[in-house]
Amino acid sequence: MHHLLIMEELGGNAWWFDRFLAQHIAIFYYFMTALMYTISPRMALQITFLNV
């Protein structure tokens, strides 16, 4: 969340399509991770911590 606020401060939210795309990718990522967690909690945690 913090990196998104920094991007907005730098002008990353100037175009509506950028905001639209970022929001929908975040929603997709959330549901993908939740689905993976129901299948295999270990796999979901590995995917989550790979992005850190």
N, C-alpha and C. Protein backbone atom coordinates (compact mmCIF):
# COMPACT_ATOMS: atom_id res chain seq x y z
N MET A 1 0.83 -1.20 0.00
CA MET A 1 0.00 0.00 0.00
C MET A 1 0.87 1.26 0.00
N HIS A 2 1.95 1.21 0.76
CA HIS A 2 2.80 2.40 0.86
C HIS A 2 3.41 2.76 -0.50
N HIS A 3 3.84 1.74 -1.25
CA HIS A 3 4.45 2.03 -2.54
C HIS A 3 3.43 2.63 -3.52
N LEU A 4 2.15 2.28 -3.38
CA LEU A 4 1.14 2.88 -4.24
C LEU A 4 0.94 4.36 -3.92
N LEU A 5 1.02 4.71 -2.63
CA LEU A 5 0.90 6.13 -2.25
C LEU A 5 2.07 6.94 -2.80
N ILE A 6 3.26 6.35 -2.78
CA ILE A 6 4.44 7.04 -3.32
C ILE A 6 4.27 7.24 -4.83
N MET A 7 3.79 6.20 -5.52
CA MET A 7 3.58 6.31 -6.97
C MET A 7 2.58 7.42 -7.29
N GLU A 8 1.52 7.55 -6.48
CA GLU A 8 0.54 8.59 -6.72
C GLU A 8 1.15 9.97 -6.51
N GLU A 9 2.00 10.11 -5.51
CA GLU A 9 2.66 11.40 -5.25
C GLU A 9 3.57 11.79 -6.41
N LEU A 10 4.15 10.82 -7.07
CA LEU A 10 5.05 11.09 -8.19
C LEU A 10 4.31 11.28 -9.51
N GLY A 11 3.00 11.26 -9.47
CA GLY A 11 2.21 11.50 -10.67
C GLY A 11 1.75 10.24 -11.38
N GLY A 12 1.86 9.11 -10.73
CA GLY A 12 1.46 7.85 -11.33
C GLY A 12 -0.03 7.66 -11.46
N ASN A 13 -0.81 8.57 -10.91
CA ASN A 13 -2.26 8.46 -11.01
C ASN A 13 -2.86 9.50 -11.96
N ALA A 14 -2.04 9.99 -12.86
CA ALA A 14 -2.50 11.04 -13.77
C ALA A 14 -3.53 10.51 -14.77
N TRP A 15 -3.38 9.30 -15.22
CA TRP A 15 -4.30 8.74 -16.20
C TRP A 15 -5.25 7.78 -15.52
N TRP A 16 -6.51 7.85 -15.87
CA TRP A 16 -7.52 6.99 -15.25
C TRP A 16 -7.25 5.53 -15.54
N PHE A 17 -6.68 5.22 -16.71
CA PHE A 17 -6.43 3.83 -17.05
C PHE A 17 -5.37 3.21 -16.14
N ASP A 18 -4.38 3.98 -15.73
CA ASP A 18 -3.36 3.48 -14.79
C ASP A 18 -3.99 3.09 -13.46
N ARG A 19 -4.87 3.94 -12.96
CA ARG A 19 -5.56 3.64 -11.70
C ARG A 19 -6.47 2.43 -11.86
N PHE A 20 -7.20 2.37 -12.95
CA PHE A 20 -8.10 1.26 -13.23
C PHE A 20 -7.33 -0.06 -13.29
N LEU A 21 -6.23 -0.06 -14.02
CA LEU A 21 -5.43 -1.27 -14.17
C LEU A 21 -4.83 -1.71 -12.83
N ALA A 22 -4.29 -0.78 -12.07
CA ALA A 22 -3.68 -1.11 -10.78
C ALA A 22 -4.71 -1.69 -9.81
N GLN A 23 -5.89 -1.11 -9.77
CA GLN A 23 -6.93 -1.60 -8.86
C GLN A 23 -7.38 -3.00 -9.25
N HIS A 24 -7.54 -3.24 -10.53
CA HIS A 24 -8.03 -4.55 -10.96
C HIS A 24 -6.97 -5.64 -10.85
N ILE A 25 -5.72 -5.28 -11.05
CA ILE A 25 -4.66 -6.25 -10.82
C ILE A 25 -4.58 -6.61 -9.34
N ALA A 26 -4.74 -5.63 -8.46
CA ALA A 26 -4.72 -5.90 -7.02
C ALA A 26 -5.87 -6.81 -6.61
N ILE A 27 -7.05 -6.57 -7.16
CA ILE A 27 -8.21 -7.43 -6.85
C ILE A 27 -7.97 -8.84 -7.34
N PHE A 28 -7.46 -8.98 -8.57
CA PHE A 28 -7.16 -10.30 -9.12
C PHE A 28 -6.12 -11.03 -8.26
N TYR A 29 -5.08 -10.32 -7.85
CA TYR A 29 -4.03 -10.92 -7.03
C TYR A 29 -4.59 -11.39 -5.69
N TYR A 30 -5.48 -10.60 -5.09
CA TYR A 30 -6.08 -10.98 -3.82
C TYR A 30 -6.87 -12.27 -3.95
N PHE A 31 -7.75 -12.35 -4.95
CA PHE A 31 -8.56 -13.54 -5.11
C PHE A 31 -7.73 -14.76 -5.52
N MET A 32 -6.70 -14.53 -6.34
CA MET A 32 -5.82 -15.63 -6.71
C MET A 32 -5.11 -16.19 -5.47
N THR A 33 -4.63 -15.31 -4.61
CA THR A 33 -3.95 -15.76 -3.40
C THR A 33 -4.92 -16.45 -2.44
N ALA A 34 -6.14 -15.92 -2.33
CA ALA A 34 -7.14 -16.56 -1.46
C ALA A 34 -7.49 -17.95 -1.97
N LEU A 35 -7.65 -18.10 -3.28
CA LEU A 35 -7.94 -19.41 -3.86
C LEU A 35 -6.78 -20.36 -3.63
N MET A 36 -5.57 -19.88 -3.82
CA MET A 36 -4.40 -20.73 -3.60
C MET A 36 -4.31 -21.14 -2.13
N TYR A 37 -4.70 -20.24 -1.23
CA TYR A 37 -4.65 -20.56 0.20
C TYR A 37 -5.62 -21.69 0.54
N THR A 38 -6.79 -21.69 -0.11
CA THR A 38 -7.74 -22.76 0.17
C THR A 38 -7.23 -24.10 -0.37
N ILE A 39 -6.46 -24.06 -1.44
CA ILE A 39 -5.90 -25.29 -2.01
C ILE A 39 -4.68 -25.74 -1.22
N SER A 40 -3.75 -24.81 -1.01
CA SER A 40 -2.52 -25.13 -0.32
C SER A 40 -1.99 -23.88 0.39
N PRO A 41 -2.15 -23.78 1.71
CA PRO A 41 -1.65 -22.60 2.43
C PRO A 41 -0.15 -22.38 2.23
N ARG A 42 0.60 -23.44 2.15
CA ARG A 42 2.04 -23.31 1.98
C ARG A 42 2.39 -22.65 0.64
N MET A 43 1.70 -23.06 -0.41
CA MET A 43 1.94 -22.48 -1.74
C MET A 43 1.58 -21.00 -1.75
N ALA A 44 0.48 -20.63 -1.11
CA ALA A 44 0.07 -19.23 -1.08
C ALA A 44 1.09 -18.38 -0.33
N LEU A 45 1.62 -18.89 0.76
CA LEU A 45 2.62 -18.13 1.51
C LEU A 45 3.92 -18.00 0.72
N GLN A 46 4.29 -19.03 -0.01
CA GLN A 46 5.50 -18.94 -0.83
C GLN A 46 5.36 -17.89 -1.91
N ILE A 47 4.21 -17.84 -2.56
CA ILE A 47 3.97 -16.84 -3.60
C ILE A 47 3.98 -15.44 -2.99
N THR A 48 3.36 -15.28 -1.84
CA THR A 48 3.30 -13.98 -1.19
C THR A 48 4.68 -13.48 -0.80
N PHE A 49 5.50 -14.35 -0.24
CA PHE A 49 6.82 -13.92 0.22
C PHE A 49 7.84 -13.82 -0.89
N LEU A 50 7.55 -14.38 -2.06
CA LEU A 50 8.44 -14.18 -3.20
C LEU A 50 8.37 -12.73 -3.69
N ASN A 51 7.22 -12.07 -3.46
CA ASN A 51 7.04 -10.70 -3.93
C ASN A 51 7.62 -9.67 -2.98
N VAL A 52 8.13 -10.07 -1.84
CA VAL A 52 8.68 -9.11 -0.88
C VAL A 52 10.10 -8.77 -1.23
